[in-house]
Protein backbone atom coordinates (compact mmCIF):
# COMPACT_ATOMS: atom_id res chain seq x y z
CA MET A 1 -9.31 -24.27 -2.37
CA ILE A 2 -8.21 -21.62 -5.09
CA ALA A 3 -7.27 -17.98 -4.06
CA LYS A 4 -7.23 -14.91 -6.64
CA GLY A 5 -6.99 -11.50 -5.75
CA LYS A 6 -5.01 -8.27 -6.33
CA VAL A 7 -1.51 -8.62 -4.38
CA HIS A 8 -0.17 -6.20 -1.51
CA LYS A 9 3.44 -6.61 -1.67
CA TYR A 10 5.96 -6.72 1.39
CA GLY A 11 9.78 -7.04 1.88
CA ASP A 12 11.25 -8.76 4.48
CA HIS A 13 10.82 -9.80 8.25
CA VAL A 14 7.46 -7.96 8.12
CA ASP A 15 6.68 -8.95 12.11
CA THR A 16 3.37 -9.63 13.87
CA ASP A 17 3.53 -5.82 15.45
CA ALA A 18 3.07 -4.87 11.56
CA ILE A 19 0.86 -7.05 11.06
CA ILE A 20 -1.42 -5.84 14.41
CA PRO A 21 0.07 -3.59 16.80
CA ALA A 22 0.23 -4.26 20.47
CA ARG A 23 -1.84 -1.59 21.48
CA TYR A 24 -5.18 -3.30 19.66
CA LEU A 25 -4.57 -7.12 21.48
CA MET A 26 -6.77 -5.94 24.00
CA THR A 27 -9.35 -7.40 21.66
CA THR A 28 -9.66 -10.89 20.03
CA ASP A 29 -12.73 -9.60 18.01
CA PRO A 30 -11.46 -10.63 14.13
CA ASP A 31 -13.71 -7.45 13.06
CA GLU A 32 -11.19 -5.26 15.22
CA LEU A 33 -8.47 -6.71 14.29
CA ALA A 34 -8.98 -6.85 10.83
CA ALA A 35 -9.71 -2.60 10.98
CA HIS A 36 -6.17 -2.26 11.96
CA CYS A 37 -4.51 -4.84 10.07
CA MET A 38 -1.00 -3.86 8.71
CA GLU A 39 -1.48 0.12 9.47
CA ASP A 40 2.13 0.72 10.74
CA ILE A 41 3.69 -0.53 7.88
CA ASP A 42 0.98 -0.11 5.22
CA VAL A 43 -1.80 2.69 6.47
CA GLY A 44 -3.86 2.65 3.51
CA PHE A 45 -3.83 -1.19 3.80
CA VAL A 46 -7.06 -2.09 5.31
CA SER A 47 -8.74 0.38 2.80
CA ARG A 48 -7.36 -0.35 -0.41
CA ALA A 49 -8.14 -4.74 0.41
CA GLU A 50 -10.65 -6.70 -0.91
CA PRO A 51 -12.11 -9.73 -0.26
CA GLY A 52 -9.92 -12.40 -1.88
CA ASP A 53 -6.70 -10.24 -2.09
CA ILE A 54 -3.17 -11.77 -1.25
CA ILE A 55 -0.32 -10.50 0.79
CA VAL A 56 3.31 -11.38 -1.32
CA ALA A 57 6.19 -10.75 1.09
CA GLY A 58 9.77 -11.40 1.10
CA LYS A 59 11.78 -13.86 3.84
CA ASN A 60 10.74 -14.99 7.86
CA PHE A 61 7.13 -12.81 7.33
CA GLY A 62 5.46 -12.86 10.74
CA CYS A 63 8.55 -13.04 13.18
CA GLY A 64 8.03 -11.37 16.32
CA SER A 65 5.58 -12.16 18.97
CA SER A 66 4.04 -15.42 19.06
CA ARG A 67 0.37 -13.32 18.42
CA GLU A 68 -2.36 -15.50 17.46
CA HIS A 69 -3.78 -12.59 16.11
CA ALA A 70 -1.65 -11.85 13.46
CA PRO A 71 -3.04 -14.17 11.22
CA ILE A 72 -6.43 -13.50 11.88
CA ALA A 73 -6.10 -10.03 11.67
CA ILE A 74 -5.09 -11.03 7.79
CA LYS A 75 -7.78 -13.49 7.10
CA ALA A 76 -10.08 -11.03 8.77
CA ALA A 77 -9.42 -8.09 6.60
CA GLY A 78 -10.27 -11.09 3.34
CA VAL A 79 -7.14 -11.91 2.87
CA SER A 80 -6.97 -15.04 0.75
CA CYS A 81 -3.64 -16.48 0.90
CA VAL A 82 -0.11 -15.14 1.81
CA ILE A 83 2.54 -16.47 -0.20
CA ALA A 84 6.10 -15.71 0.84
CA ALA A 85 9.68 -16.29 0.42
CA SER A 86 9.51 -17.70 3.97
CA PHE A 87 7.46 -17.74 7.40
CA ALA A 88 8.17 -17.12 10.72
CA ARG A 89 7.73 -21.05 12.45
CA ILE A 90 4.78 -20.17 14.81
CA PHE A 91 3.06 -17.63 12.18
CA TYR A 92 2.96 -20.68 9.97
CA ARG A 93 1.55 -22.87 12.33
CA ASN A 94 -1.16 -20.02 13.67
CA SER A 95 -1.96 -19.56 10.15
CA PHE A 96 -3.18 -22.96 9.96
CA ASN A 97 -4.90 -23.07 13.02
CA ILE A 98 -7.27 -20.49 12.12
CA GLY A 99 -7.27 -21.83 8.15
CA LEU A 100 -5.54 -18.84 6.38
CA PRO A 101 -3.38 -20.94 3.53
CA ILE A 102 0.04 -19.74 3.41
CA ILE A 103 2.80 -20.69 0.83
CA GLU A 104 6.66 -20.48 0.74
CA GLN A 105 7.75 -19.61 -3.07
CA ALA A 106 10.26 -17.60 -2.78
CA GLU A 107 10.74 -17.33 -7.36
CA ALA A 108 7.02 -15.90 -7.42
CA VAL A 109 7.42 -13.37 -4.36
CA ALA A 110 10.49 -11.91 -6.63
CA ALA A 111 8.38 -11.62 -9.53
CA ILE A 112 4.95 -10.75 -8.78
CA ASN A 113 4.71 -7.05 -8.04
CA ASP A 114 2.12 -4.88 -5.51
CA GLY A 115 -1.22 -4.80 -7.58
CA ASP A 116 -0.51 -7.71 -9.99
CA GLU A 117 -3.65 -9.88 -10.02
CA VAL A 118 -2.77 -13.36 -8.63
CA GLU A 119 -4.05 -16.98 -8.48
CA VAL A 120 -3.33 -19.26 -6.85
CA ASP A 121 -4.35 -22.93 -6.83
CA VAL A 122 -3.70 -24.14 -3.28
CA THR A 123 -4.74 -28.01 -4.18
CA ASN A 124 -2.75 -28.44 -7.27
CA GLY A 125 0.26 -26.41 -6.00
CA LEU A 126 0.13 -24.07 -8.70
CA ILE A 127 0.48 -19.97 -8.42
CA ARG A 128 -0.88 -17.89 -11.75
CA ASP A 129 0.63 -13.86 -12.52
CA LEU A 130 -3.09 -13.22 -14.28
CA THR A 131 -1.48 -10.04 -14.91
CA THR A 132 2.09 -11.37 -16.32
CA GLY A 133 0.85 -14.86 -17.31
CA ASP A 134 3.87 -16.56 -15.20
CA GLU A 135 3.60 -19.60 -13.07
CA TRP A 136 5.34 -20.99 -10.48
CA ARG A 137 4.91 -24.37 -8.53
CA PHE A 138 5.10 -25.20 -5.30
CA ALA A 139 4.31 -28.14 -2.91
CA ALA A 140 0.63 -29.02 -2.96
CA LEU A 141 -1.71 -28.62 0.11
CA THR A 142 -2.17 -32.00 1.59
CA GLY A 143 -2.83 -33.83 4.76
CA PRO A 144 -3.66 -32.69 7.98
CA ALA A 145 -2.77 -28.85 6.64
CA ALA A 146 -5.11 -29.13 3.32
CA GLU A 147 -8.06 -30.31 5.99
CA LEU A 148 -7.19 -27.47 8.44
CA ILE A 149 -7.53 -25.19 5.56
CA GLU A 150 -10.18 -26.73 4.29
CA ALA A 151 -12.23 -26.53 7.91
CA GLY A 152 -11.33 -23.36 7.88
CA GLY A 153 -8.64 -23.78 10.72
CA LEU A 154 -8.35 -25.98 14.15
CA VAL A 155 -11.27 -24.89 15.96
CA ASN A 156 -13.92 -25.60 12.80
CA LEU A 157 -12.09 -29.06 12.04
CA THR A 158 -12.26 -30.50 15.98
CA ARG A 159 -15.95 -29.55 15.87
CA THR A 160 -16.63 -31.41 12.85
CA LYS A 161 -14.81 -34.22 14.08
CA LEU A 162 -16.52 -34.34 17.21
CA GLY A 163 -19.98 -33.87 16.10
CA ALA A 164 -19.09 -36.75 13.27
CA GLY A 165 -18.50 -38.90 16.77
CA GLY A 166 -14.86 -38.78 16.35
């Protein structure tokens, strides 16, 4: 899988309430969640985001509550991948469960700028900043993680396996 898009860059400790404010948790509709994604820290995110764009952030991205709404909002907003120096553990798991590729690569985070065009080859473990020409390696997604991303999340993977007889 290859993700390619414009970067929206954020700092350290972006919590789930910043990703999707609690006042919108009464819905599980992905489109409604997407309409409010990042609005408390970046009011223009939704209007600037285009399908395929990539979020780049510092340490501990997705900290805070365990709401699955956060990665759903990001994915529904059209973001194809999140690159961060590190992720909060529950956000990490929730992202794979809904089929959102997330990559830990601190060197890339330090070098990539807001607005850069970036390509992420999830299968081969390579990030390319198409704006600067820089490249970084990361541990490619394999095994169950790759299977979840390719299927579009745990629900889709389960449906496929049940439909295939196991």
